[in-house]
Amino acid sequence: MAMKKTDLFKNLALTTAQRMKNAAKTPKPGAAAAVAKSKKELAKANPLLASLMADKPTKKTKKP
């Protein structure tokens, strides 16, 4: 059974739409660099995170 011309165009349209959908999911190069923030910037935005990241002096215990 031969396919009709409309079926061929429908299959082509579905294939193209699927490719476009998959292409939208892939991350663009350089997009992550624009979103990434340094630890200092994150700490300024979130005081709780800043308190967790603060340098705490460590206890030095003497061995007897």
PDB file of N, CA and C in Angstrom:
ATOM      1  N   MET A   1       0.839  -1.185   0.000  1.00  0.00           N
ATOM      2  CA  MET A   1       0.000   0.000   0.000  1.00  0.00           C
ATOM      3  C   MET A   1       0.885   1.251   0.000  1.00  0.00           C
ATOM      4  N   ALA A   2       0.666   2.085  -0.954  1.00  0.00           N
ATOM      5  CA  ALA A   2       1.453   3.307  -1.069  1.00  0.00           C
ATOM      6  C   ALA A   2       0.891   4.366  -0.125  1.00  0.00           C
ATOM      7  N   MET A   3       1.819   5.155   0.410  1.00  0.00           N
ATOM      8  CA  MET A   3       1.387   6.219   1.321  1.00  0.00           C
ATOM      9  C   MET A   3       0.896   7.407   0.511  1.00  0.00           C
ATOM     10  N   LYS A   4      -0.101   8.049   1.045  1.00  0.00           N
ATOM     11  CA  LYS A   4      -0.608   9.250   0.384  1.00  0.00           C
ATOM     12  C   LYS A   4       0.349  10.407   0.632  1.00  0.00           C
ATOM     13  N   LYS A   5       0.234  11.386  -0.219  1.00  0.00           N
ATOM     14  CA  LYS A   5       1.085  12.557  -0.093  1.00  0.00           C
ATOM     15  C   LYS A   5       0.845  13.265   1.242  1.00  0.00           C
ATOM     16  N   THR A   6      -0.399  13.296   1.682  1.00  0.00           N
ATOM     17  CA  THR A   6      -0.720  13.968   2.954  1.00  0.00           C
ATOM     18  C   THR A   6      -0.081  13.236   4.132  1.00  0.00           C
ATOM     19  N   ASP A   7      -0.028  11.908   4.046  1.00  0.00           N
ATOM     20  CA  ASP A   7       0.607  11.134   5.120  1.00  0.00           C
ATOM     21  C   ASP A   7       2.099  11.416   5.187  1.00  0.00           C
ATOM     22  N   LEU A   8       2.720  11.557   4.037  1.00  0.00           N
ATOM     23  CA  LEU A   8       4.151  11.856   3.994  1.00  0.00           C
ATOM     24  C   LEU A   8       4.430  13.224   4.609  1.00  0.00           C
ATOM     25  N   PHE A   9       3.592  14.217   4.275  1.00  0.00           N
ATOM     26  CA  PHE A   9       3.779  15.554   4.837  1.00  0.00           C
ATOM     27  C   PHE A   9       3.518  15.551   6.346  1.00  0.00           C
ATOM     28  N   LYS A  10       2.550  14.759   6.774  1.00  0.00           N
ATOM     29  CA  LYS A  10       2.234  14.667   8.204  1.00  0.00           C
ATOM     30  C   LYS A  10       3.410  14.049   8.960  1.00  0.00           C
ATOM     31  N   ASN A  11       3.984  12.996   8.402  1.00  0.00           N
ATOM     32  CA  ASN A  11       5.144  12.364   9.033  1.00  0.00           C
ATOM     33  C   ASN A  11       6.328  13.322   9.090  1.00  0.00           C
ATOM     34  N   LEU A  12       6.527  14.070   8.015  1.00  0.00           N
ATOM     35  CA  LEU A  12       7.613  15.042   7.971  1.00  0.00           C
ATOM     36  C   LEU A  12       7.400  16.133   9.022  1.00  0.00           C
ATOM     37  N   ALA A  13       6.171  16.597   9.156  1.00  0.00           N
ATOM     38  CA  ALA A  13       5.864  17.632  10.141  1.00  0.00           C
ATOM     39  C   ALA A  13       6.070  17.112  11.562  1.00  0.00           C
ATOM     40  N   LEU A  14       5.653  15.884  11.815  1.00  0.00           N
ATOM     41  CA  LEU A  14       5.829  15.301  13.154  1.00  0.00           C
ATOM     42  C   LEU A  14       7.308  15.120  13.475  1.00  0.00           C
ATOM     43  N   THR A  15       8.086  14.684  12.502  1.00  0.00           N
ATOM     44  CA  THR A  15       9.520  14.505  12.705  1.00  0.00           C
ATOM     45  C   THR A  15      10.198  15.840  12.982  1.00  0.00           C
ATOM     46  N   THR A  16       9.821  16.860  12.223  1.00  0.00           N
ATOM     47  CA  THR A  16      10.401  18.188  12.417  1.00  0.00           C
ATOM     48  C   THR A  16      10.038  18.749  13.787  1.00  0.00           C
ATOM     49  N   ALA A  17       8.788  18.569  14.185  1.00  0.00           N
ATOM     50  CA  ALA A  17       8.351  19.056  15.494  1.00  0.00           C
ATOM     51  C   ALA A  17       9.105  18.344  16.618  1.00  0.00           C
ATOM     52  N   GLN A  18       9.329  17.054  16.462  1.00  0.00           N
ATOM     53  CA  GLN A  18      10.068  16.297  17.478  1.00  0.00           C
ATOM     54  C   GLN A  18      11.510  16.785  17.577  1.00  0.00           C
ATOM     55  N   ARG A  19      12.129  17.070  16.430  1.00  0.00           N
ATOM     56  CA  ARG A  19      13.505  17.588  16.436  1.00  0.00           C
ATOM     57  C   ARG A  19      13.575  18.952  17.118  1.00  0.00           C
ATOM     58  N   MET A  20      12.600  19.804  16.841  1.00  0.00           N
ATOM     59  CA  MET A  20      12.582  21.133  17.453  1.00  0.00           C
ATOM     60  C   MET A  20      12.394  21.028  18.967  1.00  0.00           C
ATOM     61  N   LYS A  21      11.551  20.095  19.383  1.00  0.00           N
ATOM     62  CA  LYS A  21      11.315  19.883  20.813  1.00  0.00           C
ATOM     63  C   LYS A  21      12.599  19.412  21.489  1.00  0.00           C
ATOM     64  N   ASN A  22      13.295  18.485  20.881  1.00  0.00           N
ATOM     65  CA  ASN A  22      14.545  17.975  21.448  1.00  0.00           C
ATOM     66  C   ASN A  22      15.635  19.033  21.433  1.00  0.00           C
ATOM     67  N   ALA A  23      15.666  19.873  20.412  1.00  0.00           N
ATOM     68  CA  ALA A  23      16.674  20.921  20.324  1.00  0.00           C
ATOM     69  C   ALA A  23      16.468  21.962  21.414  1.00  0.00           C
ATOM     70  N   ALA A  24      15.231  22.190  21.820  1.00  0.00           N
ATOM     71  CA  ALA A  24      14.951  23.172  22.872  1.00  0.00           C
ATOM     72  C   ALA A  24      15.445  22.693  24.229  1.00  0.00           C
ATOM     73  N   LYS A  25      15.559  21.394  24.407  1.00  0.00           N
ATOM     74  CA  LYS A  25      15.984  20.831  25.693  1.00  0.00           C
ATOM     75  C   LYS A  25      17.488  20.923  25.905  1.00  0.00           C
ATOM     76  N   THR A  26      18.261  20.955  24.853  1.00  0.00           N
ATOM     77  CA  THR A  26      19.714  20.947  25.005  1.00  0.00           C
ATOM     78  C   THR A  26      20.198  22.298  25.508  1.00  0.00           C
ATOM     79  N   PRO A  27      21.092  22.305  26.474  1.00  0.00           N
ATOM     80  CA  PRO A  27      21.597  23.582  26.986  1.00  0.00           C
ATOM     81  C   PRO A  27      22.485  24.271  25.960  1.00  0.00           C
ATOM     82  N   LYS A  28      22.352  25.546  25.906  1.00  0.00           N
ATOM     83  CA  LYS A  28      23.152  26.328  24.973  1.00  0.00           C
ATOM     84  C   LYS A  28      24.542  26.562  25.562  1.00  0.00           C
ATOM     85  N   PRO A  29      25.590  26.579  24.759  1.00  0.00           N
ATOM     86  CA  PRO A  29      26.934  26.811  25.286  1.00  0.00           C
ATOM     87  C   PRO A  29      27.049  28.210  25.893  1.00  0.00           C
ATOM     88  N   GLY A  30      27.610  28.277  27.073  1.00  0.00           N
ATOM     89  CA  GLY A  30      27.795  29.559  27.737  1.00  0.00           C
ATOM     90  C   GLY A  30      26.626  29.966  28.611  1.00  0.00           C
ATOM     91  N   ALA A  31      25.517  29.243  28.562  1.00  0.00           N
ATOM     92  CA  ALA A  31      24.347  29.603  29.364  1.00  0.00           C
ATOM     93  C   ALA A  31      24.610  29.364  30.846  1.00  0.00           C
ATOM     94  N   ALA A  32      25.347  28.323  31.163  1.00  0.00           N
ATOM     95  CA  ALA A  32      25.636  28.016  32.567  1.00  0.00           C
ATOM     96  C   ALA A  32      26.562  29.062  33.171  1.00  0.00           C
ATOM     97  N   ALA A  33      27.461  29.596  32.390  1.00  0.00           N
ATOM     98  CA  ALA A  33      28.398  30.598  32.897  1.00  0.00           C
ATOM     99  C   ALA A  33      27.675  31.877  33.283  1.00  0.00           C
ATOM    100  N   ALA A  34      26.613  32.209  32.576  1.00  0.00           N
ATOM    101  CA  ALA A  34      25.873  33.431  32.877  1.00  0.00           C
ATOM    102  C   ALA A  34      25.069  33.285  34.169  1.00  0.00           C
ATOM    103  N   VAL A  35      24.652  32.068  34.490  1.00  0.00           N
ATOM    104  CA  VAL A  35      23.817  31.835  35.665  1.00  0.00           C
ATOM    105  C   VAL A  35      24.658  31.579  36.912  1.00  0.00           C
ATOM    106  N   ALA A  36      25.850  31.029  36.728  1.00  0.00           N
ATOM    107  CA  ALA A  36      26.684  30.650  37.866  1.00  0.00           C
ATOM    108  C   ALA A  36      27.088  31.873  38.680  1.00  0.00           C
ATOM    109  N   LYS A  37      27.075  31.701  40.000  1.00  0.00           N
ATOM    110  CA  LYS A  37      27.468  32.786  40.892  1.00  0.00           C
ATOM    111  C   LYS A  37      28.598  32.295  41.778  1.00  0.00           C
ATOM    112  N   SER A  38      29.362  33.229  42.272  1.00  0.00           N
ATOM    113  CA  SER A  38      30.446  32.845  43.168  1.00  0.00           C
ATOM    114  C   SER A  38      29.882  32.579  44.566  1.00  0.00           C
ATOM    115  N   LYS A  39      30.683  31.960  45.402  1.00  0.00           N
ATOM    116  CA  LYS A  39      30.247  31.652  46.760  1.00  0.00           C
ATOM    117  C   LYS A  39      29.951  32.926  47.547  1.00  0.00           C
ATOM    118  N   LYS A  40      30.716  33.970  47.299  1.00  0.00           N
ATOM    119  CA  LYS A  40      30.504  35.228  48.009  1.00  0.00           C
ATOM    120  C   LYS A  40      29.164  35.853  47.631  1.00  0.00           C
ATOM    121  N   GLU A  41      28.828  35.798  46.352  1.00  0.00           N
ATOM    122  CA  GLU A  41      27.548  36.355  45.912  1.00  0.00           C
ATOM    123  C   GLU A  41      26.385  35.581  46.507  1.00  0.00           C
ATOM    124  N   LEU A  42      26.511  34.263  46.578  1.00  0.00           N
ATOM    125  CA  LEU A  42      25.453  33.452  47.176  1.00  0.00           C
ATOM    126  C   LEU A  42      25.324  33.741  48.672  1.00  0.00           C
ATOM    127  N   ALA A  43      26.453  33.931  49.336  1.00  0.00           N
ATOM    128  CA  ALA A  43      26.432  34.202  50.770  1.00  0.00           C
ATOM    129  C   ALA A  43      25.802  35.565  51.064  1.00  0.00           C
ATOM    130  N   LYS A  44      26.033  36.539  50.212  1.00  0.00           N
ATOM    131  CA  LYS A  44      25.422  37.857  50.411  1.00  0.00           C
ATOM    132  C   LYS A  44      23.906  37.782  50.270  1.00  0.00           C
ATOM    133  N   ALA A  45      23.431  36.943  49.377  1.00  0.00           N
ATOM    134  CA  ALA A  45      22.000  36.833  49.126  1.00  0.00           C
ATOM    135  C   ALA A  45      21.292  36.022  50.206  1.00  0.00           C
ATOM    136  N   ASN A  46      21.996  35.134  50.871  1.00  0.00           N
ATOM    137  CA  ASN A  46      21.365  34.242  51.842  1.00  0.00           C
ATOM    138  C   ASN A  46      22.164  34.244  53.145  1.00  0.00           C
ATOM    139  N   PRO A  47      21.673  34.912  54.200  1.00  0.00           N
ATOM    140  CA  PRO A  47      22.420  34.990  55.453  1.00  0.00           C
ATOM    141  C   PRO A  47      22.628  33.631  56.127  1.00  0.00           C
ATOM    142  N   LEU A  48      21.659  32.739  55.975  1.00  0.00           N
ATOM    143  CA  LEU A  48      21.807  31.407  56.575  1.00  0.00           C
ATOM    144  C   LEU A  48      22.966  30.664  55.921  1.00  0.00           C
ATOM    145  N   LEU A  49      23.047  30.759  54.624  1.00  0.00           N
ATOM    146  CA  LEU A  49      24.150  30.131  53.902  1.00  0.00           C
ATOM    147  C   LEU A  49      25.474  30.771  54.301  1.00  0.00           C
ATOM    148  N   ALA A  50      25.462  32.078  54.504  1.00  0.00           N
ATOM    149  CA  ALA A  50      26.678  32.778  54.907  1.00  0.00           C
ATOM    150  C   ALA A  50      27.156  32.284  56.268  1.00  0.00           C
ATOM    151  N   SER A  51      26.210  32.043  57.187  1.00  0.00           N
ATOM    152  CA  SER A  51      26.613  31.565  58.509  1.00  0.00           C
ATOM    153  C   SER A  51      27.183  30.148  58.440  1.00  0.00           C
ATOM    154  N   LEU A  52      26.671  29.347  57.532  1.00  0.00           N
ATOM    155  CA  LEU A  52      27.193  27.976  57.381  1.00  0.00           C
ATOM    156  C   LEU A  52      28.557  27.974  56.710  1.00  0.00           C
ATOM    157  N   MET A  53      28.801  28.949  55.849  1.00  0.00           N
ATOM    158  CA  MET A  53      30.065  28.998  55.123  1.00  0.00           C
ATOM    159  C   MET A  53      31.154  29.731  55.897  1.00  0.00           C
ATOM    160  N   ALA A  54      30.793  30.352  57.019  1.00  0.00           N
ATOM    161  CA  ALA A  54      31.765  31.145  57.772  1.00  0.00           C
ATOM    162  C   ALA A  54      32.905  30.258  58.255  1.00  0.00           C
ATOM    163  N   ASP A  55      34.107  30.835  58.243  1.00  0.00           N
ATOM    164  CA  ASP A  55      35.272  30.095  58.729  1.00  0.00           C
ATOM    165  C   ASP A  55      35.204  30.018  60.241  1.00  0.00           C
ATOM    166  N   LYS A  56      35.196  28.810  60.748  1.00  0.00           N
ATOM    167  CA  LYS A  56      35.147  28.603  62.193  1.00  0.00           C
ATOM    168  C   LYS A  56      36.519  28.146  62.659  1.00  0.00           C
ATOM    169  N   PRO A  57      36.997  28.734  63.735  1.00  0.00           N
ATOM    170  CA  PRO A  57      38.291  28.269  64.245  1.00  0.00           C
ATOM    171  C   PRO A  57      38.159  26.838  64.779  1.00  0.00           C
ATOM    172  N   THR A  58      39.131  26.038  64.464  1.00  0.00           N
ATOM    173  CA  THR A  58      39.099  24.664  64.913  1.00  0.00           C
ATOM    174  C   THR A  58      39.801  24.538  66.264  1.00  0.00           C
ATOM    175  N   LYS A  59      39.304  23.645  67.086  1.00  0.00           N
ATOM    176  CA  LYS A  59      39.930  23.418  68.395  1.00  0.00           C
ATOM    177  C   LYS A  59      41.139  22.518  68.207  1.00  0.00           C
ATOM    178  N   LYS A  60      42.221  22.913  68.813  1.00  0.00           N
ATOM    179  CA  LYS A  60      43.412  22.066  68.787  1.00  0.00           C
ATOM    180  C   LYS A  60      43.552  21.438  70.154  1.00  0.00           C
ATOM    181  N   THR A  61      43.447  20.158  70.186  1.00  0.00           N
ATOM    182  CA  THR A  61      43.581  19.448  71.462  1.00  0.00           C
ATOM    183  C   THR A  61      44.978  18.864  71.590  1.00  0.00           C
ATOM    184  N   LYS A  62      45.459  18.904  72.816  1.00  0.00           N
ATOM    185  CA  LYS A  62      46.782  18.357  73.063  1.00  0.00           C
ATOM    186  C   LYS A  62      46.631  16.893  73.432  1.00  0.00           C
ATOM    187  N   LYS A  63      47.518  16.098  72.903  1.00  0.00           N
ATOM    188  CA  LYS A  63      47.509  14.685  73.274  1.00  0.00           C
ATOM    189  C   LYS A  63      48.297  14.522  74.565  1.00  0.00           C
ATOM    190  N   PRO A  64      47.729  13.786  75.549  1.00  0.00           N
ATOM    191  CA  PRO A  64      48.458  13.607  76.806  1.00  0.00           C
ATOM    192  C   PRO A  64      49.647  12.673  76.680  1.00  0.00           C
TER     193      PRO A  64
END
